[in-house]
Amino acid sequence: MNERQRQASVRRILEEGAARVPPELYADAVRRGGRMLRRRTLARRLMWLLLFAATVAFVVWAVTARPWVETPSETTPPLTGW
């Protein structure tokens, strides 16, 4: 196709206007779209809940285990008999 033919086909498509969608197809698309949005919202909420639970579990572990405190050395024998 040369440039004039392409321009003519684009003009013809634009002049025809918007395509008409059958009502039953529109209702089905709206129903499916709503279902997709609900599933996506539920998945997003579950992911946030999982992230919150993991954060709480990490904080509880960190407070109880205190990994930043260095353990006392047990290689030196105790001093007795001084």
PDB file of N, CA and C in Angstrom:
ATOM      1  N   MET A   1       0.839  -1.183   0.000  1.00  0.00           N
ATOM      2  CA  MET A   1       0.000   0.000   0.000  1.00  0.00           C
ATOM      3  C   MET A   1       0.881   1.241   0.000  1.00  0.00           C
ATOM      4  N   ASN A   2       0.510   2.168  -0.842  1.00  0.00           N
ATOM      5  CA  ASN A   2       1.244   3.418  -0.805  1.00  0.00           C
ATOM      6  C   ASN A   2       0.590   4.356   0.220  1.00  0.00           C
ATOM      7  N   GLU A   3       1.179   5.518   0.363  1.00  0.00           N
ATOM      8  CA  GLU A   3       0.735   6.432   1.417  1.00  0.00           C
ATOM      9  C   GLU A   3      -0.684   6.933   1.188  1.00  0.00           C
ATOM     10  N   ARG A   4      -1.054   7.207  -0.042  1.00  0.00           N
ATOM     11  CA  ARG A   4      -2.408   7.709  -0.324  1.00  0.00           C
ATOM     12  C   ARG A   4      -3.464   6.652  -0.002  1.00  0.00           C
ATOM     13  N   GLN A   5      -3.185   5.423  -0.317  1.00  0.00           N
ATOM     14  CA  GLN A   5      -4.140   4.348  -0.024  1.00  0.00           C
ATOM     15  C   GLN A   5      -4.308   4.165   1.487  1.00  0.00           C
ATOM     16  N   ARG A   6      -3.195   4.256   2.203  1.00  0.00           N
ATOM     17  CA  ARG A   6      -3.266   4.141   3.662  1.00  0.00           C
ATOM     18  C   ARG A   6      -4.071   5.285   4.259  1.00  0.00           C
ATOM     19  N   GLN A   7      -3.809   6.509   3.804  1.00  0.00           N
ATOM     20  CA  GLN A   7      -4.561   7.652   4.306  1.00  0.00           C
ATOM     21  C   GLN A   7      -6.046   7.515   3.987  1.00  0.00           C
ATOM     22  N   ALA A   8      -6.368   7.053   2.807  1.00  0.00           N
ATOM     23  CA  ALA A   8      -7.768   6.871   2.427  1.00  0.00           C
ATOM     24  C   ALA A   8      -8.440   5.807   3.303  1.00  0.00           C
ATOM     25  N   SER A   9      -7.737   4.720   3.589  1.00  0.00           N
ATOM     26  CA  SER A   9      -8.329   3.678   4.426  1.00  0.00           C
ATOM     27  C   SER A   9      -8.513   4.164   5.868  1.00  0.00           C
ATOM     28  N   VAL A  10      -7.578   4.953   6.353  1.00  0.00           N
ATOM     29  CA  VAL A  10      -7.709   5.504   7.703  1.00  0.00           C
ATOM     30  C   VAL A  10      -8.869   6.481   7.747  1.00  0.00           C
ATOM     31  N   ARG A  11      -9.005   7.335   6.759  1.00  0.00           N
ATOM     32  CA  ARG A  11     -10.128   8.283   6.717  1.00  0.00           C
ATOM     33  C   ARG A  11     -11.462   7.542   6.668  1.00  0.00           C
ATOM     34  N   ARG A  12     -11.536   6.478   5.875  1.00  0.00           N
ATOM     35  CA  ARG A  12     -12.767   5.699   5.760  1.00  0.00           C
ATOM     36  C   ARG A  12     -13.129   5.070   7.107  1.00  0.00           C
ATOM     37  N   ILE A  13     -12.133   4.548   7.806  1.00  0.00           N
ATOM     38  CA  ILE A  13     -12.382   3.941   9.115  1.00  0.00           C
ATOM     39  C   ILE A  13     -12.857   4.992  10.106  1.00  0.00           C
ATOM     40  N   LEU A  14     -12.227   6.178  10.098  1.00  0.00           N
ATOM     41  CA  LEU A  14     -12.614   7.238  11.021  1.00  0.00           C
ATOM     42  C   LEU A  14     -13.998   7.792  10.717  1.00  0.00           C
ATOM     43  N   GLU A  15     -14.379   7.856   9.453  1.00  0.00           N
ATOM     44  CA  GLU A  15     -15.683   8.378   9.081  1.00  0.00           C
ATOM     45  C   GLU A  15     -16.810   7.413   9.420  1.00  0.00           C
ATOM     46  N   GLU A  16     -16.519   6.121   9.466  1.00  0.00           N
ATOM     47  CA  GLU A  16     -17.555   5.144   9.794  1.00  0.00           C
ATOM     48  C   GLU A  16     -18.053   5.311  11.215  1.00  0.00           C
ATOM     49  N   GLY A  17     -17.254   5.850  12.094  1.00  0.00           N
ATOM     50  CA  GLY A  17     -17.658   6.039  13.484  1.00  0.00           C
ATOM     51  C   GLY A  17     -17.309   4.833  14.327  1.00  0.00           C
ATOM     52  N   ALA A  18     -17.814   4.885  15.538  1.00  0.00           N
ATOM     53  CA  ALA A  18     -17.515   3.819  16.492  1.00  0.00           C
ATOM     54  C   ALA A  18     -18.283   2.561  16.118  1.00  0.00           C
ATOM     55  N   ALA A  19     -17.666   1.448  16.334  1.00  0.00           N
ATOM     56  CA  ALA A  19     -18.314   0.178  16.055  1.00  0.00           C
ATOM     57  C   ALA A  19     -19.382  -0.083  17.114  1.00  0.00           C
ATOM     58  N   ARG A  20     -20.472  -0.651  16.686  1.00  0.00           N
ATOM     59  CA  ARG A  20     -21.558  -0.955  17.614  1.00  0.00           C
ATOM     60  C   ARG A  20     -21.314  -2.349  18.205  1.00  0.00           C
ATOM     61  N   VAL A  21     -21.525  -2.434  19.505  1.00  0.00           N
ATOM     62  CA  VAL A  21     -21.321  -3.689  20.216  1.00  0.00           C
ATOM     63  C   VAL A  21     -22.688  -4.270  20.554  1.00  0.00           C
ATOM     64  N   PRO A  22     -22.910  -5.542  20.306  1.00  0.00           N
ATOM     65  CA  PRO A  22     -24.189  -6.144  20.665  1.00  0.00           C
ATOM     66  C   PRO A  22     -24.434  -6.047  22.176  1.00  0.00           C
ATOM     67  N   PRO A  23     -25.672  -5.804  22.605  1.00  0.00           N
ATOM     68  CA  PRO A  23     -25.959  -5.611  24.035  1.00  0.00           C
ATOM     69  C   PRO A  23     -25.564  -6.804  24.896  1.00  0.00           C
ATOM     70  N   GLU A  24     -25.780  -8.020  24.409  1.00  0.00           N
ATOM     71  CA  GLU A  24     -25.425  -9.185  25.232  1.00  0.00           C
ATOM     72  C   GLU A  24     -23.917  -9.297  25.402  1.00  0.00           C
ATOM     73  N   LEU A  25     -23.162  -8.887  24.396  1.00  0.00           N
ATOM     74  CA  LEU A  25     -21.712  -8.911  24.503  1.00  0.00           C
ATOM     75  C   LEU A  25     -21.232  -7.844  25.489  1.00  0.00           C
ATOM     76  N   TYR A  26     -21.879  -6.689  25.467  1.00  0.00           N
ATOM     77  CA  TYR A  26     -21.527  -5.605  26.383  1.00  0.00           C
ATOM     78  C   TYR A  26     -21.789  -6.030  27.826  1.00  0.00           C
ATOM     79  N   ALA A  27     -22.953  -6.608  28.094  1.00  0.00           N
ATOM     80  CA  ALA A  27     -23.291  -7.043  29.455  1.00  0.00           C
ATOM     81  C   ALA A  27     -22.319  -8.106  29.945  1.00  0.00           C
ATOM     82  N   ASP A  28     -21.947  -9.021  29.060  1.00  0.00           N
ATOM     83  CA  ASP A  28     -21.002 -10.069  29.430  1.00  0.00           C
ATOM     84  C   ASP A  28     -19.630  -9.481  29.747  1.00  0.00           C
ATOM     85  N   ALA A  29     -19.204  -8.514  28.952  1.00  0.00           N
ATOM     86  CA  ALA A  29     -17.902  -7.875  29.189  1.00  0.00           C
ATOM     87  C   ALA A  29     -17.910  -7.105  30.508  1.00  0.00           C
ATOM     88  N   VAL A  30     -19.000  -6.426  30.821  1.00  0.00           N
ATOM     89  CA  VAL A  30     -19.094  -5.688  32.087  1.00  0.00           C
ATOM     90  C   VAL A  30     -19.061  -6.657  33.266  1.00  0.00           C
ATOM     91  N   ARG A  31     -19.774  -7.772  33.150  1.00  0.00           N
ATOM     92  CA  ARG A  31     -19.795  -8.768  34.224  1.00  0.00           C
ATOM     93  C   ARG A  31     -18.405  -9.353  34.457  1.00  0.00           C
ATOM     94  N   ARG A  32     -17.741  -9.715  33.364  1.00  0.00           N
ATOM     95  CA  ARG A  32     -16.392 -10.290  33.493  1.00  0.00           C
ATOM     96  C   ARG A  32     -15.399  -9.261  34.027  1.00  0.00           C
ATOM     97  N   GLY A  33     -15.532  -8.023  33.585  1.00  0.00           N
ATOM     98  CA  GLY A  33     -14.636  -6.973  34.077  1.00  0.00           C
ATOM     99  C   GLY A  33     -14.813  -6.730  35.561  1.00  0.00           C
ATOM    100  N   GLY A  34     -16.062  -6.737  36.022  1.00  0.00           N
ATOM    101  CA  GLY A  34     -16.322  -6.575  37.451  1.00  0.00           C
ATOM    102  C   GLY A  34     -15.729  -7.710  38.257  1.00  0.00           C
ATOM    103  N   ARG A  35     -15.848  -8.921  37.735  1.00  0.00           N
ATOM    104  CA  ARG A  35     -15.278 -10.077  38.414  1.00  0.00           C
ATOM    105  C   ARG A  35     -13.761  -9.969  38.485  1.00  0.00           C
ATOM    106  N   MET A  36     -13.149  -9.528  37.386  1.00  0.00           N
ATOM    107  CA  MET A  36     -11.689  -9.361  37.378  1.00  0.00           C
ATOM    108  C   MET A  36     -11.250  -8.317  38.399  1.00  0.00           C
ATOM    109  N   LEU A  37     -11.983  -7.210  38.480  1.00  0.00           N
ATOM    110  CA  LEU A  37     -11.633  -6.171  39.443  1.00  0.00           C
ATOM    111  C   LEU A  37     -11.769  -6.671  40.877  1.00  0.00           C
ATOM    112  N   ARG A  38     -12.826  -7.434  41.160  1.00  0.00           N
ATOM    113  CA  ARG A  38     -12.991  -7.972  42.515  1.00  0.00           C
ATOM    114  C   ARG A  38     -11.866  -8.932  42.858  1.00  0.00           C
ATOM    115  N   ARG A  39     -11.495  -9.797  41.915  1.00  0.00           N
ATOM    116  CA  ARG A  39     -10.393 -10.725  42.170  1.00  0.00           C
ATOM    117  C   ARG A  39      -9.077  -9.992  42.384  1.00  0.00           C
ATOM    118  N   ARG A  40      -8.828  -8.983  41.575  1.00  0.00           N
ATOM    119  CA  ARG A  40      -7.596  -8.208  41.709  1.00  0.00           C
ATOM    120  C   ARG A  40      -7.551  -7.487  43.058  1.00  0.00           C
ATOM    121  N   THR A  41      -8.696  -6.933  43.486  1.00  0.00           N
ATOM    122  CA  THR A  41      -8.763  -6.254  44.777  1.00  0.00           C
ATOM    123  C   THR A  41      -8.520  -7.239  45.909  1.00  0.00           C
ATOM    124  N   LEU A  42      -9.134  -8.415  45.822  1.00  0.00           N
ATOM    125  CA  LEU A  42      -8.936  -9.435  46.848  1.00  0.00           C
ATOM    126  C   LEU A  42      -7.477  -9.876  46.899  1.00  0.00           C
ATOM    127  N   ALA A  43      -6.869 -10.085  45.755  1.00  0.00           N
ATOM    128  CA  ALA A  43      -5.457 -10.497  45.716  1.00  0.00           C
ATOM    129  C   ALA A  43      -4.562  -9.419  46.314  1.00  0.00           C
ATOM    130  N   ARG A  44      -4.842  -8.161  45.997  1.00  0.00           N
ATOM    131  CA  ARG A  44      -4.047  -7.057  46.548  1.00  0.00           C
ATOM    132  C   ARG A  44      -4.192  -7.004  48.064  1.00  0.00           C
ATOM    133  N   ARG A  45      -5.407  -7.174  48.579  1.00  0.00           N
ATOM    134  CA  ARG A  45      -5.611  -7.151  50.030  1.00  0.00           C
ATOM    135  C   ARG A  45      -4.917  -8.318  50.705  1.00  0.00           C
ATOM    136  N   LEU A  46      -4.959  -9.501  50.088  1.00  0.00           N
ATOM    137  CA  LEU A  46      -4.271 -10.652  50.660  1.00  0.00           C
ATOM    138  C   LEU A  46      -2.760 -10.450  50.680  1.00  0.00           C
ATOM    139  N   MET A  47      -2.226  -9.840  49.634  1.00  0.00           N
ATOM    140  CA  MET A  47      -0.781  -9.578  49.612  1.00  0.00           C
ATOM    141  C   MET A  47      -0.386  -8.589  50.706  1.00  0.00           C
ATOM    142  N   TRP A  48      -1.189  -7.538  50.919  1.00  0.00           N
ATOM    143  CA  TRP A  48      -0.897  -6.591  51.990  1.00  0.00           C
ATOM    144  C   TRP A  48      -0.990  -7.272  53.359  1.00  0.00           C
ATOM    145  N   LEU A  49      -1.989  -8.142  53.528  1.00  0.00           N
ATOM    146  CA  LEU A  49      -2.129  -8.869  54.785  1.00  0.00           C
ATOM    147  C   LEU A  49      -0.932  -9.784  55.012  1.00  0.00           C
ATOM    148  N   LEU A  50      -0.477 -10.458  53.969  1.00  0.00           N
ATOM    149  CA  LEU A  50       0.692 -11.319  54.076  1.00  0.00           C
ATOM    150  C   LEU A  50       1.947 -10.511  54.418  1.00  0.00           C
ATOM    151  N   LEU A  51       2.115  -9.365  53.785  1.00  0.00           N
ATOM    152  CA  LEU A  51       3.258  -8.502  54.095  1.00  0.00           C
ATOM    153  C   LEU A  51       3.209  -8.013  55.538  1.00  0.00           C
ATOM    154  N   PHE A  52       2.019  -7.637  56.007  1.00  0.00           N
ATOM    155  CA  PHE A  52       1.866  -7.188  57.390  1.00  0.00           C
ATOM    156  C   PHE A  52       2.192  -8.318  58.367  1.00  0.00           C
ATOM    157  N   ALA A  53       1.687  -9.535  58.088  1.00  0.00           N
ATOM    158  CA  ALA A  53       1.950 -10.671  58.968  1.00  0.00           C
ATOM    159  C   ALA A  53       3.438 -11.010  58.997  1.00  0.00           C
ATOM    160  N   ALA A  54       4.097 -10.950  57.849  1.00  0.00           N
ATOM    161  CA  ALA A  54       5.537 -11.228  57.804  1.00  0.00           C
ATOM    162  C   ALA A  54       6.320 -10.174  58.584  1.00  0.00           C
ATOM    163  N   THR A  55       5.893  -8.920  58.488  1.00  0.00           N
ATOM    164  CA  THR A  55       6.570  -7.850  59.232  1.00  0.00           C
ATOM    165  C   THR A  55       6.403  -8.049  60.729  1.00  0.00           C
ATOM    166  N   VAL A  56       5.192  -8.375  61.153  1.00  0.00           N
ATOM    167  CA  VAL A  56       4.952  -8.613  62.584  1.00  0.00           C
ATOM    168  C   VAL A  56       5.763  -9.806  63.060  1.00  0.00           C
ATOM    169  N   ALA A  57       5.802 -10.878  62.276  1.00  0.00           N
ATOM    170  CA  ALA A  57       6.578 -12.055  62.668  1.00  0.00           C
ATOM    171  C   ALA A  57       8.068 -11.723  62.774  1.00  0.00           C
ATOM    172  N   PHE A  58       8.576 -10.925  61.858  1.00  0.00           N
ATOM    173  CA  PHE A  58       9.983 -10.540  61.919  1.00  0.00           C
ATOM    174  C   PHE A  58      10.274  -9.686  63.150  1.00  0.00           C
ATOM    175  N   VAL A  59       9.399  -8.750  63.446  1.00  0.00           N
ATOM    176  CA  VAL A  59       9.608  -7.878  64.610  1.00  0.00           C
ATOM    177  C   VAL A  59       9.562  -8.698  65.893  1.00  0.00           C
ATOM    178  N   VAL A  60       8.622  -9.623  66.007  1.00  0.00           N
ATOM    179  CA  VAL A  60       8.539 -10.463  67.207  1.00  0.00           C
ATOM    180  C   VAL A  60       9.794 -11.310  67.333  1.00  0.00           C
ATOM    181  N   TRP A  61      10.254 -11.894  66.228  1.00  0.00           N
ATOM    182  CA  TRP A  61      11.491 -12.685  66.279  1.00  0.00           C
ATOM    183  C   TRP A  61      12.678 -11.823  66.680  1.00  0.00           C
ATOM    184  N   ALA A  62      12.774 -10.641  66.115  1.00  0.00           N
ATOM    185  CA  ALA A  62      13.917  -9.773  66.404  1.00  0.00           C
ATOM    186  C   ALA A  62      13.922  -9.328  67.870  1.00  0.00           C
ATOM    187  N   VAL A  63      12.740  -9.077  68.422  1.00  0.00           N
ATOM    188  CA  VAL A  63      12.676  -8.654  69.826  1.00  0.00           C
ATOM    189  C   VAL A  63      13.033  -9.809  70.748  1.00  0.00           C
ATOM    190  N   THR A  64      12.607 -11.016  70.431  1.00  0.00           N
ATOM    191  CA  THR A  64      12.894 -12.148  71.311  1.00  0.00           C
ATOM    192  C   THR A  64      14.314 -12.689  71.112  1.00  0.00           C
ATOM    193  N   ALA A  65      14.806 -12.760  69.903  1.00  0.00           N
ATOM    194  CA  ALA A  65      16.126 -13.341  69.648  1.00  0.00           C
ATOM    195  C   ALA A  65      17.241 -12.323  69.817  1.00  0.00           C
ATOM    196  N   ARG A  66      16.943 -11.057  69.640  1.00  0.00           N
ATOM    197  CA  ARG A  66      17.922  -9.958  69.726  1.00  0.00           C
ATOM    198  C   ARG A  66      19.207 -10.311  68.969  1.00  0.00           C
ATOM    199  N   PRO A  67      19.137 -10.429  67.651  1.00  0.00           N
ATOM    200  CA  PRO A  67      20.306 -10.842  66.868  1.00  0.00           C
ATOM    201  C   PRO A  67      21.416  -9.792  66.834  1.00  0.00           C
ATOM    202  N   TRP A  68      21.166  -8.584  67.250  1.00  0.00           N
ATOM    203  CA  TRP A  68      22.193  -7.543  67.218  1.00  0.00           C
ATOM    204  C   TRP A  68      23.107  -7.598  68.433  1.00  0.00           C
ATOM    205  N   VAL A  69      22.723  -8.389  69.462  1.00  0.00           N
ATOM    206  CA  VAL A  69      23.540  -8.511  70.669  1.00  0.00           C
ATOM    207  C   VAL A  69      24.558  -9.619  70.447  1.00  0.00           C
ATOM    208  N   GLU A  70      25.808  -9.306  70.741  1.00  0.00           N
ATOM    209  CA  GLU A  70      26.865 -10.293  70.572  1.00  0.00           C
ATOM    210  C   GLU A  70      26.823 -11.277  71.728  1.00  0.00           C
ATOM    211  N   THR A  71      26.898 -12.562  71.420  1.00  0.00           N
ATOM    212  CA  THR A  71      26.852 -13.584  72.467  1.00  0.00           C
ATOM    213  C   THR A  71      28.160 -13.571  73.245  1.00  0.00           C
ATOM    214  N   PRO A  72      28.099 -13.873  74.531  1.00  0.00           N
ATOM    215  CA  PRO A  72      29.339 -13.870  75.327  1.00  0.00           C
ATOM    216  C   PRO A  72      30.280 -14.991  74.876  1.00  0.00           C
ATOM    217  N   SER A  73      31.550 -14.709  74.955  1.00  0.00           N
ATOM    218  CA  SER A  73      32.549 -15.681  74.529  1.00  0.00           C
ATOM    219  C   SER A  73      32.672 -16.769  75.587  1.00  0.00           C
ATOM    220  N   GLU A  74      32.718 -18.001  75.146  1.00  0.00           N
ATOM    221  CA  GLU A  74      32.848 -19.128  76.075  1.00  0.00           C
ATOM    222  C   GLU A  74      34.188 -19.837  75.909  1.00  0.00           C
ATOM    223  N   THR A  75      35.141 -19.230  75.241  1.00  0.00           N
ATOM    224  CA  THR A  75      36.438 -19.881  75.021  1.00  0.00           C
ATOM    225  C   THR A  75      37.418 -19.641  76.161  1.00  0.00           C
ATOM    226  N   THR A  76      37.216 -18.608  76.945  1.00  0.00           N
ATOM    227  CA  THR A  76      38.112 -18.314  78.064  1.00  0.00           C
ATOM    228  C   THR A  76      37.642 -19.072  79.297  1.00  0.00           C
ATOM    229  N   PRO A  77      38.540 -19.796  79.954  1.00  0.00           N
ATOM    230  CA  PRO A  77      38.118 -20.543  81.148  1.00  0.00           C
ATOM    231  C   PRO A  77      37.806 -19.585  82.288  1.00  0.00           C
ATOM    232  N   PRO A  78      36.932 -19.985  83.157  1.00  0.00           N
ATOM    233  CA  PRO A  78      36.597 -19.116  84.291  1.00  0.00           C
ATOM    234  C   PRO A  78      37.787 -18.980  85.246  1.00  0.00           C
ATOM    235  N   LEU A  79      37.898 -17.820  85.856  1.00  0.00           N
ATOM    236  CA  LEU A  79      38.980 -17.567  86.810  1.00  0.00           C
ATOM    237  C   LEU A  79      38.528 -18.043  88.196  1.00  0.00           C
ATOM    238  N   THR A  80      39.226 -19.047  88.733  1.00  0.00           N
ATOM    239  CA  THR A  80      38.910 -19.539  90.074  1.00  0.00           C
ATOM    240  C   THR A  80      40.180 -19.662  90.887  1.00  0.00           C
ATOM    241  N   GLY A  81      40.076 -19.555  92.171  1.00  0.00           N
ATOM    242  CA  GLY A  81      41.220 -19.745  93.067  1.00  0.00           C
ATOM    243  C   GLY A  81      42.155 -18.559  93.158  1.00  0.00           C
ATOM    244  N   TRP A  82      41.739 -17.368  92.957  1.00  0.00           N
ATOM    245  CA  TRP A  82      42.616 -16.201  93.092  1.00  0.00           C
ATOM    246  C   TRP A  82      42.714 -15.794  94.498  1.00  0.00           C
TER     247      TRP A  82
END
